[in-house]
Structure formats: structure tokens, C-alpha cells
Amino acid sequence: FVVLRRGELYFRLPSQQIGFNCPLQVGHHPQANSVPKEALTCQLQLIPGDIIIAGSDGLWDNLTDEMLQSCLEEAKINEFDATT
């Protein structure tokens, strides 16, 4: 996930992979390659107006920081209000 603050990228959780092009799959199902306690965790102090975007590797493998910034600017143009 990422956190945007005041229109800028504030935080990005590092990619969690077990190898090249092989994302960490956390769960209790047969295809899982890790258990939940192996996943990264973090604590952040959020402030009003912060925007949190969560996604899978399918999103983050295809969305660059520049594209993310462009989406944010377009949302501002369309009067998107992150507080509602």
C-alpha cells in the first residue's frame, strides 16, 4: 500500500516477494507460500486528508509513481474530496 500526503507520496510498503516475479502469498490455503506472521507490518501516524491506496502486485507492477501522481492530480481537478 501507499500513503499520499498533501499530494505527494509519503510512504510505500516495500514489495513482498519470495523471488523474482513471485509475490508473497499469505494465507492458510494450499497455494500459500507463507503464513500470516511472515508478512510485513507497519504502524504509521495518519493525519486528516491522507489517502491510502491498497492493491495487489497486479496494481503495483503496472502503476508507476508518475501514473499515481497523475491520477491524484486528475482527482483534484474533478473535485475529489478525500475527507468524505
PDB file of N, CA and C in Angstrom:
ATOM      1  N   PHE A   1       0.839  -1.181   0.000  1.00  0.00           N
ATOM      2  CA  PHE A   1       0.000   0.000   0.000  1.00  0.00           C
ATOM      3  C   PHE A   1       0.875   1.232   0.000  1.00  0.00           C
ATOM      4  N   VAL A   2       0.264   2.341  -0.353  1.00  0.00           N
ATOM      5  CA  VAL A   2       0.952   3.628  -0.306  1.00  0.00           C
ATOM      6  C   VAL A   2       0.082   4.613   0.466  1.00  0.00           C
ATOM      7  N   VAL A   3       0.731   5.619   1.012  1.00  0.00           N
ATOM      8  CA  VAL A   3       0.037   6.722   1.658  1.00  0.00           C
ATOM      9  C   VAL A   3       0.460   7.994   0.935  1.00  0.00           C
ATOM     10  N   LEU A   4      -0.531   8.759   0.500  1.00  0.00           N
ATOM     11  CA  LEU A   4      -0.288  10.052  -0.119  1.00  0.00           C
ATOM     12  C   LEU A   4      -0.642  11.127   0.898  1.00  0.00           C
ATOM     13  N   ARG A   5       0.239  12.100   1.021  1.00  0.00           N
ATOM     14  CA  ARG A   5       0.014  13.205   1.958  1.00  0.00           C
ATOM     15  C   ARG A   5       0.311  14.509   1.251  1.00  0.00           C
ATOM     16  N   ARG A   6      -0.674  15.390   1.301  1.00  0.00           N
ATOM     17  CA  ARG A   6      -0.549  16.719   0.670  1.00  0.00           C
ATOM     18  C   ARG A   6      -0.136  16.602  -0.799  1.00  0.00           C
ATOM     19  N   GLY A   7      -0.685  15.603  -1.465  1.00  0.00           N
ATOM     20  CA  GLY A   7      -0.438  15.447  -2.896  1.00  0.00           C
ATOM     21  C   GLY A   7       0.862  14.764  -3.263  1.00  0.00           C
ATOM     22  N   GLU A   8       1.607  14.295  -2.275  1.00  0.00           N
ATOM     23  CA  GLU A   8       2.889  13.647  -2.528  1.00  0.00           C
ATOM     24  C   GLU A   8       2.908  12.244  -1.937  1.00  0.00           C
ATOM     25  N   LEU A   9       3.736  11.381  -2.529  1.00  0.00           N
ATOM     26  CA  LEU A   9       3.927  10.045  -1.984  1.00  0.00           C
ATOM     27  C   LEU A   9       4.640  10.174  -0.642  1.00  0.00           C
ATOM     28  N   TYR A  10       3.988   9.728   0.430  1.00  0.00           N
ATOM     29  CA  TYR A  10       4.534   9.849   1.777  1.00  0.00           C
ATOM     30  C   TYR A  10       5.175   8.543   2.235  1.00  0.00           C
ATOM     31  N   PHE A  11       4.530   7.414   1.905  1.00  0.00           N
ATOM     32  CA  PHE A  11       5.026   6.120   2.358  1.00  0.00           C
ATOM     33  C   PHE A  11       4.628   5.041   1.366  1.00  0.00           C
ATOM     34  N   ARG A  12       5.516   4.083   1.166  1.00  0.00           N
ATOM     35  CA  ARG A  12       5.217   2.910   0.342  1.00  0.00           C
ATOM     36  C   ARG A  12       5.735   1.680   1.076  1.00  0.00           C
ATOM     37  N   LEU A  13       4.840   0.718   1.310  1.00  0.00           N
ATOM     38  CA  LEU A  13       5.269  -0.539   1.912  1.00  0.00           C
ATOM     39  C   LEU A  13       6.116  -1.283   0.896  1.00  0.00           C
ATOM     40  N   PRO A  14       7.280  -1.759   1.272  1.00  0.00           N
ATOM     41  CA  PRO A  14       8.136  -2.471   0.315  1.00  0.00           C
ATOM     42  C   PRO A  14       7.433  -3.691  -0.281  1.00  0.00           C
ATOM     43  N   SER A  15       7.789  -4.011  -1.505  1.00  0.00           N
ATOM     44  CA  SER A  15       7.263  -5.193  -2.179  1.00  0.00           C
ATOM     45  C   SER A  15       7.633  -6.442  -1.383  1.00  0.00           C
ATOM     46  N   GLN A  16       6.698  -7.372  -1.293  1.00  0.00           N
ATOM     47  CA  GLN A  16       6.945  -8.607  -0.549  1.00  0.00           C
ATOM     48  C   GLN A  16       6.970  -9.764  -1.548  1.00  0.00           C
ATOM     49  N   GLN A  17       8.171 -10.260  -1.829  1.00  0.00           N
ATOM     50  CA  GLN A  17       8.354 -11.330  -2.801  1.00  0.00           C
ATOM     51  C   GLN A  17       9.229 -12.422  -2.202  1.00  0.00           C
ATOM     52  N   ILE A  18       9.007 -13.652  -2.674  1.00  0.00           N
ATOM     53  CA  ILE A  18       9.901 -14.736  -2.261  1.00  0.00           C
ATOM     54  C   ILE A  18      10.969 -14.980  -3.314  1.00  0.00           C
ATOM     55  N   GLY A  19      10.819 -14.330  -4.463  1.00  0.00           N
ATOM     56  CA  GLY A  19      11.772 -14.426  -5.553  1.00  0.00           C
ATOM     57  C   GLY A  19      11.302 -13.546  -6.693  1.00  0.00           C
ATOM     58  N   PHE A  20      12.107 -13.451  -7.757  1.00  0.00           N
ATOM     59  CA  PHE A  20      11.752 -12.615  -8.894  1.00  0.00           C
ATOM     60  C   PHE A  20      10.381 -13.005  -9.433  1.00  0.00           C
ATOM     61  N   ASN A  21       9.506 -12.000  -9.544  1.00  0.00           N
ATOM     62  CA  ASN A  21       8.179 -12.179 -10.120  1.00  0.00           C
ATOM     63  C   ASN A  21       7.343 -13.231  -9.379  1.00  0.00           C
ATOM     64  N   CYS A  22       7.619 -13.418  -8.098  1.00  0.00           N
ATOM     65  CA  CYS A  22       6.893 -14.401  -7.290  1.00  0.00           C
ATOM     66  C   CYS A  22       6.483 -13.728  -5.979  1.00  0.00           C
ATOM     67  N   PRO A  23       5.280 -13.119  -5.962  1.00  0.00           N
ATOM     68  CA  PRO A  23       4.861 -12.398  -4.764  1.00  0.00           C
ATOM     69  C   PRO A  23       4.598 -13.322  -3.588  1.00  0.00           C
ATOM     70  N   LEU A  24       4.776 -12.770  -2.420  1.00  0.00           N
ATOM     71  CA  LEU A  24       4.466 -13.484  -1.194  1.00  0.00           C
ATOM     72  C   LEU A  24       2.964 -13.745  -1.168  1.00  0.00           C
ATOM     73  N   GLN A  25       2.575 -14.983  -0.968  1.00  0.00           N
ATOM     74  CA  GLN A  25       1.167 -15.352  -0.876  1.00  0.00           C
ATOM     75  C   GLN A  25       0.903 -15.806   0.550  1.00  0.00           C
ATOM     76  N   VAL A  26       0.218 -14.967   1.292  1.00  0.00           N
ATOM     77  CA  VAL A  26      -0.033 -15.237   2.699  1.00  0.00           C
ATOM     78  C   VAL A  26      -1.422 -15.828   2.864  1.00  0.00           C
ATOM     79  N   GLY A  27      -1.510 -16.889   3.634  1.00  0.00           N
ATOM     80  CA  GLY A  27      -2.820 -17.457   3.911  1.00  0.00           C
ATOM     81  C   GLY A  27      -2.731 -18.862   4.452  1.00  0.00           C
ATOM     82  N   HIS A  28      -3.892 -19.455   4.595  1.00  0.00           N
ATOM     83  CA  HIS A  28      -3.983 -20.814   5.115  1.00  0.00           C
ATOM     84  C   HIS A  28      -4.540 -21.754   4.045  1.00  0.00           C
ATOM     85  N   HIS A  29      -4.288 -21.454   2.794  1.00  0.00           N
ATOM     86  CA  HIS A  29      -4.769 -22.283   1.703  1.00  0.00           C
ATOM     87  C   HIS A  29      -3.587 -23.020   1.078  1.00  0.00           C
ATOM     88  N   PRO A  30      -3.831 -24.070   0.297  1.00  0.00           N
ATOM     89  CA  PRO A  30      -2.731 -24.888  -0.247  1.00  0.00           C
ATOM     90  C   PRO A  30      -1.736 -24.126  -1.125  1.00  0.00           C
ATOM     91  N   GLN A  31      -2.179 -23.053  -1.805  1.00  0.00           N
ATOM     92  CA  GLN A  31      -1.275 -22.308  -2.689  1.00  0.00           C
ATOM     93  C   GLN A  31      -0.426 -21.280  -1.942  1.00  0.00           C
ATOM     94  N   ALA A  32      -0.716 -21.032  -0.691  1.00  0.00           N
ATOM     95  CA  ALA A  32       0.034 -20.030   0.077  1.00  0.00           C
ATOM     96  C   ALA A  32       1.468 -20.511   0.271  1.00  0.00           C
ATOM     97  N   ASN A  33       2.408 -19.585   0.081  1.00  0.00           N
ATOM     98  CA  ASN A  33       3.805 -19.935   0.291  1.00  0.00           C
ATOM     99  C   ASN A  33       4.342 -19.355   1.596  1.00  0.00           C
ATOM    100  N   SER A  34       3.483 -18.712   2.378  1.00  0.00           N
ATOM    101  CA  SER A  34       3.883 -18.130   3.658  1.00  0.00           C
ATOM    102  C   SER A  34       2.689 -18.103   4.603  1.00  0.00           C
ATOM    103  N   VAL A  35       2.984 -18.008   5.870  1.00  0.00           N
ATOM    104  CA  VAL A  35       1.936 -17.877   6.876  1.00  0.00           C
ATOM    105  C   VAL A  35       1.819 -16.410   7.271  1.00  0.00           C
ATOM    106  N   PRO A  36       0.675 -15.986   7.793  1.00  0.00           N
ATOM    107  CA  PRO A  36       0.472 -14.566   8.095  1.00  0.00           C
ATOM    108  C   PRO A  36       1.559 -13.911   8.931  1.00  0.00           C
ATOM    109  N   LYS A  37       2.167 -14.635   9.875  1.00  0.00           N
ATOM    110  CA  LYS A  37       3.182 -13.993  10.722  1.00  0.00           C
ATOM    111  C   LYS A  37       4.436 -13.597   9.943  1.00  0.00           C
ATOM    112  N   GLU A  38       4.605 -14.073   8.695  1.00  0.00           N
ATOM    113  CA  GLU A  38       5.762 -13.720   7.873  1.00  0.00           C
ATOM    114  C   GLU A  38       5.549 -12.450   7.056  1.00  0.00           C
ATOM    115  N   ALA A  39       4.332 -11.939   7.023  1.00  0.00           N
ATOM    116  CA  ALA A  39       4.049 -10.724   6.249  1.00  0.00           C
ATOM    117  C   ALA A  39       4.598  -9.496   6.975  1.00  0.00           C
ATOM    118  N   LEU A  40       4.963  -8.476   6.203  1.00  0.00           N
ATOM    119  CA  LEU A  40       5.435  -7.222   6.787  1.00  0.00           C
ATOM    120  C   LEU A  40       4.280  -6.497   7.456  1.00  0.00           C
ATOM    121  N   THR A  41       4.578  -5.829   8.531  1.00  0.00           N
ATOM    122  CA  THR A  41       3.611  -4.966   9.195  1.00  0.00           C
ATOM    123  C   THR A  41       4.264  -3.618   9.442  1.00  0.00           C
ATOM    124  N   CYS A  42       3.454  -2.619   9.653  1.00  0.00           N
ATOM    125  CA  CYS A  42       3.996  -1.300   9.970  1.00  0.00           C
ATOM    126  C   CYS A  42       2.937  -0.502  10.717  1.00  0.00           C
ATOM    127  N   GLN A  43       3.393   0.539  11.372  1.00  0.00           N
ATOM    128  CA  GLN A  43       2.495   1.473  12.036  1.00  0.00           C
ATOM    129  C   GLN A  43       2.846   2.863  11.550  1.00  0.00           C
ATOM    130  N   LEU A  44       1.825   3.598  11.132  1.00  0.00           N
ATOM    131  CA  LEU A  44       2.012   4.960  10.655  1.00  0.00           C
ATOM    132  C   LEU A  44       1.061   5.883  11.389  1.00  0.00           C
ATOM    133  N   GLN A  45       1.483   7.086  11.631  1.00  0.00           N
ATOM    134  CA  GLN A  45       0.595   8.104  12.182  1.00  0.00           C
ATOM    135  C   GLN A  45      -0.037   8.826  10.998  1.00  0.00           C
ATOM    136  N   LEU A  46      -1.319   8.620  10.802  1.00  0.00           N
ATOM    137  CA  LEU A  46      -2.036   9.264   9.712  1.00  0.00           C
ATOM    138  C   LEU A  46      -2.632  10.574  10.198  1.00  0.00           C
ATOM    139  N   ILE A  47      -2.821  11.492   9.248  1.00  0.00           N
ATOM    140  CA  ILE A  47      -3.444  12.766   9.573  1.00  0.00           C
ATOM    141  C   ILE A  47      -4.643  12.955   8.644  1.00  0.00           C
ATOM    142  N   PRO A  48      -5.590  13.800   9.036  1.00  0.00           N
ATOM    143  CA  PRO A  48      -6.739  14.054   8.158  1.00  0.00           C
ATOM    144  C   PRO A  48      -6.270  14.489   6.769  1.00  0.00           C
ATOM    145  N   GLY A  49      -6.885  13.900   5.752  1.00  0.00           N
ATOM    146  CA  GLY A  49      -6.520  14.218   4.378  1.00  0.00           C
ATOM    147  C   GLY A  49      -5.579  13.216   3.740  1.00  0.00           C
ATOM    148  N   ASP A  50      -4.922  12.373   4.547  1.00  0.00           N
ATOM    149  CA  ASP A  50      -4.072  11.324   3.977  1.00  0.00           C
ATOM    150  C   ASP A  50      -4.928  10.402   3.118  1.00  0.00           C
ATOM    151  N   ILE A  51      -4.371   9.931   2.031  1.00  0.00           N
ATOM    152  CA  ILE A  51      -5.047   8.997   1.137  1.00  0.00           C
ATOM    153  C   ILE A  51      -4.263   7.698   1.161  1.00  0.00           C
ATOM    154  N   ILE A  52      -4.965   6.592   1.448  1.00  0.00           N
ATOM    155  CA  ILE A  52      -4.349   5.272   1.480  1.00  0.00           C
ATOM    156  C   ILE A  52      -4.839   4.498   0.266  1.00  0.00           C
ATOM    157  N   ILE A  53      -3.895   3.949  -0.490  1.00  0.00           N
ATOM    158  CA  ILE A  53      -4.240   3.130  -1.651  1.00  0.00           C
ATOM    159  C   ILE A  53      -3.624   1.759  -1.443  1.00  0.00           C
ATOM    160  N   ALA A  54      -4.488   0.756  -1.360  1.00  0.00           N
ATOM    161  CA  ALA A  54      -4.033  -0.626  -1.183  1.00  0.00           C
ATOM    162  C   ALA A  54      -4.293  -1.386  -2.474  1.00  0.00           C
ATOM    163  N   GLY A  55      -3.383  -2.272  -2.810  1.00  0.00           N
ATOM    164  CA  GLY A  55      -3.556  -3.059  -4.024  1.00  0.00           C
ATOM    165  C   GLY A  55      -2.639  -4.261  -4.024  1.00  0.00           C
ATOM    166  N   SER A  56      -2.900  -5.136  -4.953  1.00  0.00           N
ATOM    167  CA  SER A  56      -2.078  -6.341  -5.096  1.00  0.00           C
ATOM    168  C   SER A  56      -0.916  -6.054  -6.042  1.00  0.00           C
ATOM    169  N   ASP A  57      -0.097  -7.084  -6.259  1.00  0.00           N
ATOM    170  CA  ASP A  57       1.013  -6.935  -7.194  1.00  0.00           C
ATOM    171  C   ASP A  57       0.500  -6.606  -8.595  1.00  0.00           C
ATOM    172  N   GLY A  58      -0.717  -6.997  -8.913  1.00  0.00           N
ATOM    173  CA  GLY A  58      -1.280  -6.664 -10.222  1.00  0.00           C
ATOM    174  C   GLY A  58      -1.411  -5.170 -10.441  1.00  0.00           C
ATOM    175  N   LEU A  59      -1.655  -4.426  -9.375  1.00  0.00           N
ATOM    176  CA  LEU A  59      -1.706  -2.966  -9.471  1.00  0.00           C
ATOM    177  C   LEU A  59      -0.304  -2.381  -9.457  1.00  0.00           C
ATOM    178  N   TRP A  60       0.485  -2.741  -8.455  1.00  0.00           N
ATOM    179  CA  TRP A  60       1.788  -2.102  -8.260  1.00  0.00           C
ATOM    180  C   TRP A  60       2.807  -2.490  -9.322  1.00  0.00           C
ATOM    181  N   ASP A  61       2.630  -3.629  -9.985  1.00  0.00           N
ATOM    182  CA  ASP A  61       3.527  -3.992 -11.087  1.00  0.00           C
ATOM    183  C   ASP A  61       3.287  -3.121 -12.313  1.00  0.00           C
ATOM    184  N   ASN A  62       2.120  -2.466 -12.366  1.00  0.00           N
ATOM    185  CA  ASN A  62       1.744  -1.719 -13.565  1.00  0.00           C
ATOM    186  C   ASN A  62       1.561  -0.227 -13.348  1.00  0.00           C
ATOM    187  N   LEU A  63       1.537   0.232 -12.099  1.00  0.00           N
ATOM    188  CA  LEU A  63       1.297   1.638 -11.798  1.00  0.00           C
ATOM    189  C   LEU A  63       2.568   2.280 -11.261  1.00  0.00           C
ATOM    190  N   THR A  64       3.152   3.154 -12.057  1.00  0.00           N
ATOM    191  CA  THR A  64       4.367   3.850 -11.620  1.00  0.00           C
ATOM    192  C   THR A  64       4.004   4.998 -10.675  1.00  0.00           C
ATOM    193  N   ASP A  65       4.997   5.528  -9.982  1.00  0.00           N
ATOM    194  CA  ASP A  65       4.752   6.685  -9.125  1.00  0.00           C
ATOM    195  C   ASP A  65       4.228   7.863  -9.940  1.00  0.00           C
ATOM    196  N   GLU A  66       4.722   8.019 -11.163  1.00  0.00           N
ATOM    197  CA  GLU A  66       4.271   9.110 -12.025  1.00  0.00           C
ATOM    198  C   GLU A  66       2.800   8.934 -12.395  1.00  0.00           C
ATOM    199  N   MET A  67       2.391   7.700 -12.683  1.00  0.00           N
ATOM    200  CA  MET A  67       0.992   7.440 -13.006  1.00  0.00           C
ATOM    201  C   MET A  67       0.104   7.685 -11.786  1.00  0.00           C
ATOM    202  N   LEU A  68       0.580   7.305 -10.621  1.00  0.00           N
ATOM    203  CA  LEU A  68      -0.156   7.537  -9.383  1.00  0.00           C
ATOM    204  C   LEU A  68      -0.346   9.035  -9.168  1.00  0.00           C
ATOM    205  N   GLN A  69       0.705   9.793  -9.364  1.00  0.00           N
ATOM    206  CA  GLN A  69       0.646  11.250  -9.214  1.00  0.00           C
ATOM    207  C   GLN A  69      -0.341  11.846 -10.214  1.00  0.00           C
ATOM    208  N   SER A  70      -0.343  11.359 -11.436  1.00  0.00           N
ATOM    209  CA  SER A  70      -1.266  11.837 -12.459  1.00  0.00           C
ATOM    210  C   SER A  70      -2.717  11.557 -12.069  1.00  0.00           C
ATOM    211  N   CYS A  71      -2.971  10.379 -11.530  1.00  0.00           N
ATOM    212  CA  CYS A  71      -4.328  10.030 -11.078  1.00  0.00           C
ATOM    213  C   CYS A  71      -4.771  10.957  -9.959  1.00  0.00           C
ATOM    214  N   LEU A  72      -3.868  11.269  -9.049  1.00  0.00           N
ATOM    215  CA  LEU A  72      -4.186  12.166  -7.946  1.00  0.00           C
ATOM    216  C   LEU A  72      -4.506  13.563  -8.470  1.00  0.00           C
ATOM    217  N   GLU A  73      -3.714  14.046  -9.409  1.00  0.00           N
ATOM    218  CA  GLU A  73      -3.963  15.371  -9.978  1.00  0.00           C
ATOM    219  C   GLU A  73      -5.305  15.403 -10.705  1.00  0.00           C
ATOM    220  N   GLU A  74      -5.636  14.338 -11.431  1.00  0.00           N
ATOM    221  CA  GLU A  74      -6.923  14.276 -12.121  1.00  0.00           C
ATOM    222  C   GLU A  74      -8.077  14.260 -11.126  1.00  0.00           C
ATOM    223  N   ALA A  75      -7.905  13.548 -10.025  1.00  0.00           N
ATOM    224  CA  ALA A  75      -8.940  13.516  -8.998  1.00  0.00           C
ATOM    225  C   ALA A  75      -9.156  14.899  -8.396  1.00  0.00           C
ATOM    226  N   LYS A  76      -8.083  15.649  -8.208  1.00  0.00           N
ATOM    227  CA  LYS A  76      -8.201  17.009  -7.680  1.00  0.00           C
ATOM    228  C   LYS A  76      -8.952  17.898  -8.664  1.00  0.00           C
ATOM    229  N   ILE A  77      -8.666  17.750  -9.947  1.00  0.00           N
ATOM    230  CA  ILE A  77      -9.348  18.536 -10.973  1.00  0.00           C
ATOM    231  C   ILE A  77     -10.846  18.248 -10.943  1.00  0.00           C
ATOM    232  N   ASN A  78     -11.200  16.980 -10.679  1.00  0.00           N
ATOM    233  CA  ASN A  78     -12.602  16.584 -10.638  1.00  0.00           C
ATOM    234  C   ASN A  78     -13.217  16.774  -9.253  1.00  0.00           C
ATOM    235  N   GLU A  79     -12.535  17.555  -8.403  1.00  0.00           N
ATOM    236  CA  GLU A  79     -13.006  17.925  -7.079  1.00  0.00           C
ATOM    237  C   GLU A  79     -13.211  16.741  -6.157  1.00  0.00           C
ATOM    238  N   PHE A  80     -12.347  15.749  -6.244  1.00  0.00           N
ATOM    239  CA  PHE A  80     -12.391  14.615  -5.320  1.00  0.00           C
ATOM    240  C   PHE A  80     -12.036  15.110  -3.937  1.00  0.00           C
ATOM    241  N   ASP A  81     -12.834  14.730  -2.951  1.00  0.00           N
ATOM    242  CA  ASP A  81     -12.594  15.132  -1.578  1.00  0.00           C
ATOM    243  C   ASP A  81     -12.262  13.912  -0.747  1.00  0.00           C
ATOM    244  N   ALA A  82     -11.003  13.766  -0.352  1.00  0.00           N
ATOM    245  CA  ALA A  82     -10.556  12.577   0.379  1.00  0.00           C
ATOM    246  C   ALA A  82     -11.102  12.520   1.791  1.00  0.00           C
ATOM    247  N   THR A  83     -11.737  13.571   2.259  1.00  0.00           N
ATOM    248  CA  THR A  83     -12.245  13.571   3.629  1.00  0.00           C
ATOM    249  C   THR A  83     -13.671  13.047   3.719  1.00  0.00           C
ATOM    250  N   THR A  84     -14.293  12.751   2.592  1.00  0.00           N
ATOM    251  CA  THR A  84     -15.692  12.290   2.643  1.00  0.00           C
ATOM    252  C   THR A  84     -15.756  10.798   2.398  1.00  0.00           C
TER     253      THR A  84
END
